[in-house]
Amino acid sequence: QLFNKLAEKISKDENPESKVARLIREYEVGEENTKSLIREISEVCLAGFKETLGRAGISFDSW
């Protein structure tokens, strides 16, 4: 569901690459809102990876 919403929004944007580049720049210079957003998204992604790998009996001692 989330992927479909994101894909739809990206397809409507004339230049999504420029927005991604802006977010990367903001993260690299330490812009707090962007850092917080990217870290939150990263945590959600990692949780999904752990859940999926856990179903296959794969675990890690550390990330």
PDB file of N, CA and C in Angstrom:
ATOM      1  N   GLN A   1       0.818  -1.189   0.000  1.00  0.00           N
ATOM      2  CA  GLN A   1       0.000   0.000   0.000  1.00  0.00           C
ATOM      3  C   GLN A   1       0.863   1.254   0.000  1.00  0.00           C
ATOM      4  N   LEU A   2       1.823   1.317   0.890  1.00  0.00           N
ATOM      5  CA  LEU A   2       2.695   2.481   0.966  1.00  0.00           C
ATOM      6  C   LEU A   2       3.489   2.638  -0.325  1.00  0.00           C
ATOM      7  N   PHE A   3       4.002   1.513  -0.844  1.00  0.00           N
ATOM      8  CA  PHE A   3       4.767   1.570  -2.094  1.00  0.00           C
ATOM      9  C   PHE A   3       3.913   2.116  -3.224  1.00  0.00           C
ATOM     10  N   ASN A   4       2.678   1.645  -3.326  1.00  0.00           N
ATOM     11  CA  ASN A   4       1.803   2.108  -4.405  1.00  0.00           C
ATOM     12  C   ASN A   4       1.521   3.600  -4.303  1.00  0.00           C
ATOM     13  N   LYS A   5       1.302   4.090  -3.096  1.00  0.00           N
ATOM     14  CA  LYS A   5       1.073   5.524  -2.906  1.00  0.00           C
ATOM     15  C   LYS A   5       2.305   6.319  -3.308  1.00  0.00           C
ATOM     16  N   LEU A   6       3.461   5.839  -2.893  1.00  0.00           N
ATOM     17  CA  LEU A   6       4.705   6.523  -3.218  1.00  0.00           C
ATOM     18  C   LEU A   6       4.958   6.500  -4.725  1.00  0.00           C
ATOM     19  N   ALA A   7       4.767   5.360  -5.356  1.00  0.00           N
ATOM     20  CA  ALA A   7       4.975   5.248  -6.801  1.00  0.00           C
ATOM     21  C   ALA A   7       4.038   6.175  -7.563  1.00  0.00           C
ATOM     22  N   GLU A   8       2.803   6.273  -7.117  1.00  0.00           N
ATOM     23  CA  GLU A   8       1.837   7.161  -7.766  1.00  0.00           C
ATOM     24  C   GLU A   8       2.273   8.620  -7.640  1.00  0.00           C
ATOM     25  N   LYS A   9       2.691   8.994  -6.455  1.00  0.00           N
ATOM     26  CA  LYS A   9       3.115  10.382  -6.226  1.00  0.00           C
ATOM     27  C   LYS A   9       4.363  10.716  -7.047  1.00  0.00           C
ATOM     28  N   ILE A  10       5.305   9.791  -7.101  1.00  0.00           N
ATOM     29  CA  ILE A  10       6.527  10.017  -7.879  1.00  0.00           C
ATOM     30  C   ILE A  10       6.205  10.151  -9.358  1.00  0.00           C
ATOM     31  N   SER A  11       5.294   9.325  -9.857  1.00  0.00           N
ATOM     32  CA  SER A  11       4.971   9.371 -11.288  1.00  0.00           C
ATOM     33  C   SER A  11       4.307  10.680 -11.686  1.00  0.00           C
ATOM     34  N   LYS A  12       3.706  11.377 -10.734  1.00  0.00           N
ATOM     35  CA  LYS A  12       3.057  12.657 -11.032  1.00  0.00           C
ATOM     36  C   LYS A  12       4.032  13.833 -10.959  1.00  0.00           C
ATOM     37  N   ASP A  13       5.207  13.602 -10.405  1.00  0.00           N
ATOM     38  CA  ASP A  13       6.200  14.664 -10.243  1.00  0.00           C
ATOM     39  C   ASP A  13       7.002  14.808 -11.539  1.00  0.00           C
ATOM     40  N   GLU A  14       7.187  16.047 -11.989  1.00  0.00           N
ATOM     41  CA  GLU A  14       7.932  16.287 -13.223  1.00  0.00           C
ATOM     42  C   GLU A  14       9.415  15.963 -13.087  1.00  0.00           C
ATOM     43  N   ASN A  15       9.978  16.149 -11.904  1.00  0.00           N
ATOM     44  CA  ASN A  15      11.411  15.935 -11.719  1.00  0.00           C
ATOM     45  C   ASN A  15      11.704  15.359 -10.329  1.00  0.00           C
ATOM     46  N   PRO A  16      11.350  14.085 -10.115  1.00  0.00           N
ATOM     47  CA  PRO A  16      11.555  13.513  -8.779  1.00  0.00           C
ATOM     48  C   PRO A  16      13.031  13.412  -8.394  1.00  0.00           C
ATOM     49  N   GLU A  17      13.917  13.272  -9.391  1.00  0.00           N
ATOM     50  CA  GLU A  17      15.346  13.163  -9.086  1.00  0.00           C
ATOM     51  C   GLU A  17      15.865  14.407  -8.369  1.00  0.00           C
ATOM     52  N   SER A  18      15.362  15.579  -8.750  1.00  0.00           N
ATOM     53  CA  SER A  18      15.836  16.808  -8.105  1.00  0.00           C
ATOM     54  C   SER A  18      15.393  16.864  -6.646  1.00  0.00           C
ATOM     55  N   LYS A  19      14.215  16.337  -6.356  1.00  0.00           N
ATOM     56  CA  LYS A  19      13.746  16.323  -4.969  1.00  0.00           C
ATOM     57  C   LYS A  19      14.564  15.346  -4.125  1.00  0.00           C
ATOM     58  N   VAL A  20      14.899  14.200  -4.702  1.00  0.00           N
ATOM     59  CA  VAL A  20      15.735  13.235  -3.994  1.00  0.00           C
ATOM     60  C   VAL A  20      17.114  13.838  -3.743  1.00  0.00           C
ATOM     61  N   ALA A  21      17.677  14.499  -4.755  1.00  0.00           N
ATOM     62  CA  ALA A  21      18.990  15.137  -4.600  1.00  0.00           C
ATOM     63  C   ALA A  21      18.948  16.200  -3.502  1.00  0.00           C
ATOM     64  N   ARG A  22      17.860  16.962  -3.440  1.00  0.00           N
ATOM     65  CA  ARG A  22      17.719  17.980  -2.397  1.00  0.00           C
ATOM     66  C   ARG A  22      17.695  17.338  -1.011  1.00  0.00           C
ATOM     67  N   LEU A  23      16.940  16.247  -0.874  1.00  0.00           N
ATOM     68  CA  LEU A  23      16.880  15.553   0.417  1.00  0.00           C
ATOM     69  C   LEU A  23      18.253  15.033   0.829  1.00  0.00           C
ATOM     70  N   ILE A  24      18.989  14.493  -0.121  1.00  0.00           N
ATOM     71  CA  ILE A  24      20.333  13.987   0.182  1.00  0.00           C
ATOM     72  C   ILE A  24      21.237  15.123   0.648  1.00  0.00           C
ATOM     73  N   ARG A  25      21.196  16.248  -0.061  1.00  0.00           N
ATOM     74  CA  ARG A  25      22.014  17.404   0.340  1.00  0.00           C
ATOM     75  C   ARG A  25      21.639  17.876   1.743  1.00  0.00           C
ATOM     76  N   GLU A  26      20.333  17.981   1.998  1.00  0.00           N
ATOM     77  CA  GLU A  26      19.875  18.434   3.313  1.00  0.00           C
ATOM     78  C   GLU A  26      20.332  17.474   4.411  1.00  0.00           C
ATOM     79  N   TYR A  27      20.257  16.178   4.131  1.00  0.00           N
ATOM     80  CA  TYR A  27      20.702  15.193   5.116  1.00  0.00           C
ATOM     81  C   TYR A  27      22.197  15.338   5.384  1.00  0.00           C
ATOM     82  N   GLU A  28      22.966  15.498   4.314  1.00  0.00           N
ATOM     83  CA  GLU A  28      24.419  15.589   4.444  1.00  0.00           C
ATOM     84  C   GLU A  28      24.870  16.826   5.219  1.00  0.00           C
ATOM     85  N   VAL A  29      24.129  17.928   5.114  1.00  0.00           N
ATOM     86  CA  VAL A  29      24.518  19.136   5.853  1.00  0.00           C
ATOM     87  C   VAL A  29      23.909  19.167   7.253  1.00  0.00           C
ATOM     88  N   GLY A  30      23.103  18.157   7.582  1.00  0.00           N
ATOM     89  CA  GLY A  30      22.587  18.034   8.935  1.00  0.00           C
ATOM     90  C   GLY A  30      21.273  18.738   9.204  1.00  0.00           C
ATOM     91  N   GLU A  31      20.475  18.982   8.175  1.00  0.00           N
ATOM     92  CA  GLU A  31      19.164  19.627   8.362  1.00  0.00           C
ATOM     93  C   GLU A  31      18.307  18.687   9.213  1.00  0.00           C
ATOM     94  N   GLU A  32      17.896  19.151  10.379  1.00  0.00           N
ATOM     95  CA  GLU A  32      17.275  18.284  11.389  1.00  0.00           C
ATOM     96  C   GLU A  32      16.004  17.582  10.911  1.00  0.00           C
ATOM     97  N   ASN A  33      15.092  18.289  10.263  1.00  0.00           N
ATOM     98  CA  ASN A  33      13.845  17.655   9.815  1.00  0.00           C
ATOM     99  C   ASN A  33      14.121  16.551   8.806  1.00  0.00           C
ATOM    100  N   THR A  34      15.036  16.811   7.887  1.00  0.00           N
ATOM    101  CA  THR A  34      15.377  15.813   6.873  1.00  0.00           C
ATOM    102  C   THR A  34      16.083  14.623   7.504  1.00  0.00           C
ATOM    103  N   LYS A  35      17.018  14.881   8.424  1.00  0.00           N
ATOM    104  CA  LYS A  35      17.699  13.781   9.119  1.00  0.00           C
ATOM    105  C   LYS A  35      16.693  12.899   9.844  1.00  0.00           C
ATOM    106  N   SER A  36      15.768  13.524  10.528  1.00  0.00           N
ATOM    107  CA  SER A  36      14.759  12.782  11.276  1.00  0.00           C
ATOM    108  C   SER A  36      13.899  11.932  10.339  1.00  0.00           C
ATOM    109  N   LEU A  37      13.477  12.516   9.231  1.00  0.00           N
ATOM    110  CA  LEU A  37      12.650  11.802   8.258  1.00  0.00           C
ATOM    111  C   LEU A  37      13.392  10.601   7.680  1.00  0.00           C
ATOM    112  N   ILE A  38      14.620  10.812   7.246  1.00  0.00           N
ATOM    113  CA  ILE A  38      15.384   9.728   6.628  1.00  0.00           C
ATOM    114  C   ILE A  38      15.687   8.632   7.641  1.00  0.00           C
ATOM    115  N   ARG A  39      15.999   9.002   8.856  1.00  0.00           N
ATOM    116  CA  ARG A  39      16.262   7.987   9.883  1.00  0.00           C
ATOM    117  C   ARG A  39      15.002   7.184  10.206  1.00  0.00           C
ATOM    118  N   GLU A  40      13.860   7.845  10.249  1.00  0.00           N
ATOM    119  CA  GLU A  40      12.600   7.142  10.507  1.00  0.00           C
ATOM    120  C   GLU A  40      12.302   6.156   9.380  1.00  0.00           C
ATOM    121  N   ILE A  41      12.471   6.591   8.147  1.00  0.00           N
ATOM    122  CA  ILE A  41      12.229   5.717   6.998  1.00  0.00           C
ATOM    123  C   ILE A  41      13.201   4.545   7.012  1.00  0.00           C
ATOM    124  N   SER A  42      14.459   4.812   7.343  1.00  0.00           N
ATOM    125  CA  SER A  42      15.464   3.749   7.411  1.00  0.00           C
ATOM    126  C   SER A  42      15.092   2.706   8.455  1.00  0.00           C
ATOM    127  N   GLU A  43      14.606   3.157   9.604  1.00  0.00           N
ATOM    128  CA  GLU A  43      14.196   2.223  10.658  1.00  0.00           C
ATOM    129  C   GLU A  43      13.038   1.344  10.199  1.00  0.00           C
ATOM    130  N   VAL A  44      12.084   1.923   9.490  1.00  0.00           N
ATOM    131  CA  VAL A  44      10.951   1.151   8.966  1.00  0.00           C
ATOM    132  C   VAL A  44      11.450   0.105   7.971  1.00  0.00           C
ATOM    133  N   CYS A  45      12.356   0.506   7.083  1.00  0.00           N
ATOM    134  CA  CYS A  45      12.908  -0.428   6.094  1.00  0.00           C
ATOM    135  C   CYS A  45      13.673  -1.563   6.763  1.00  0.00           C
ATOM    136  N   LEU A  46      14.527  -1.224   7.721  1.00  0.00           N
ATOM    137  CA  LEU A  46      15.293  -2.255   8.416  1.00  0.00           C
ATOM    138  C   LEU A  46      14.387  -3.214   9.177  1.00  0.00           C
ATOM    139  N   ALA A  47      13.340  -2.695   9.782  1.00  0.00           N
ATOM    140  CA  ALA A  47      12.388  -3.566  10.490  1.00  0.00           C
ATOM    141  C   ALA A  47      11.744  -4.540   9.509  1.00  0.00           C
ATOM    142  N   GLY A  48      11.418  -4.058   8.320  1.00  0.00           N
ATOM    143  CA  GLY A  48      10.844  -4.930   7.296  1.00  0.00           C
ATOM    144  C   GLY A  48      11.823  -5.999   6.845  1.00  0.00           C
ATOM    145  N   PHE A  49      13.094  -5.610   6.657  1.00  0.00           N
ATOM    146  CA  PHE A  49      14.117  -6.591   6.279  1.00  0.00           C
ATOM    147  C   PHE A  49      14.246  -7.658   7.356  1.00  0.00           C
ATOM    148  N   LYS A  50      14.321  -7.218   8.621  1.00  0.00           N
ATOM    149  CA  LYS A  50      14.470  -8.160   9.734  1.00  0.00           C
ATOM    150  C   LYS A  50      13.285  -9.116   9.802  1.00  0.00           C
ATOM    151  N   GLU A  51      12.084  -8.581   9.601  1.00  0.00           N
ATOM    152  CA  GLU A  51      10.888  -9.423   9.638  1.00  0.00           C
ATOM    153  C   GLU A  51      10.920 -10.458   8.517  1.00  0.00           C
ATOM    154  N   THR A  52      11.226 -10.011   7.317  1.00  0.00           N
ATOM    155  CA  THR A  52      11.260 -10.915   6.169  1.00  0.00           C
ATOM    156  C   THR A  52      12.347 -11.972   6.335  1.00  0.00           C
ATOM    157  N   LEU A  53      13.537 -11.551   6.718  1.00  0.00           N
ATOM    158  CA  LEU A  53      14.630 -12.502   6.912  1.00  0.00           C
ATOM    159  C   LEU A  53      14.341 -13.448   8.074  1.00  0.00           C
ATOM    160  N   GLY A  54      13.679 -12.949   9.104  1.00  0.00           N
ATOM    161  CA  GLY A  54      13.314 -13.785  10.238  1.00  0.00           C
ATOM    162  C   GLY A  54      12.399 -14.932   9.838  1.00  0.00           C
ATOM    163  N   ARG A  55      11.510 -14.671   8.889  1.00  0.00           N
ATOM    164  CA  ARG A  55      10.624 -15.740   8.407  1.00  0.00           C
ATOM    165  C   ARG A  55      11.413 -16.851   7.725  1.00  0.00           C
ATOM    166  N   ALA A  56      12.572 -16.505   7.194  1.00  0.00           N
ATOM    167  CA  ALA A  56      13.432 -17.496   6.544  1.00  0.00           C
ATOM    168  C   ALA A  56      14.446 -18.082   7.527  1.00  0.00           C
ATOM    169  N   GLY A  57      14.334 -17.702   8.798  1.00  0.00           N
ATOM    170  CA  GLY A  57      15.233 -18.217   9.817  1.00  0.00           C
ATOM    171  C   GLY A  57      16.606 -17.562   9.806  1.00  0.00           C
ATOM    172  N   ILE A  58      16.697 -16.385   9.201  1.00  0.00           N
ATOM    173  CA  ILE A  58      17.973 -15.671   9.123  1.00  0.00           C
ATOM    174  C   ILE A  58      17.975 -14.552  10.154  1.00  0.00           C
ATOM    175  N   SER A  59      19.047 -14.480  10.922  1.00  0.00           N
ATOM    176  CA  SER A  59      19.176 -13.392  11.893  1.00  0.00           C
ATOM    177  C   SER A  59      20.613 -12.886  11.884  1.00  0.00           C
ATOM    178  N   PHE A  60      20.798 -11.709  12.438  1.00  0.00           N
ATOM    179  CA  PHE A  60      22.111 -11.089  12.497  1.00  0.00           C
ATOM    180  C   PHE A  60      22.418 -10.720  13.939  1.00  0.00           C
ATOM    181  N   ASP A  61      23.689 -10.834  14.311  1.00  0.00           N
ATOM    182  CA  ASP A  61      24.112 -10.417  15.647  1.00  0.00           C
ATOM    183  C   ASP A  61      24.098  -8.903  15.768  1.00  0.00           C
ATOM    184  N   SER A  62      24.445  -8.224  14.680  1.00  0.00           N
ATOM    185  CA  SER A  62      24.436  -6.759  14.683  1.00  0.00           C
ATOM    186  C   SER A  62      24.228  -6.266  13.259  1.00  0.00           C
ATOM    187  N   TRP A  63      23.847  -4.999  13.152  1.00  0.00           N
ATOM    188  CA  TRP A  63      23.624  -4.370  11.841  1.00  0.00           C
ATOM    189  C   TRP A  63      24.685  -3.355  11.620  1.00  0.00           C
TER     190      TRP A  63
END
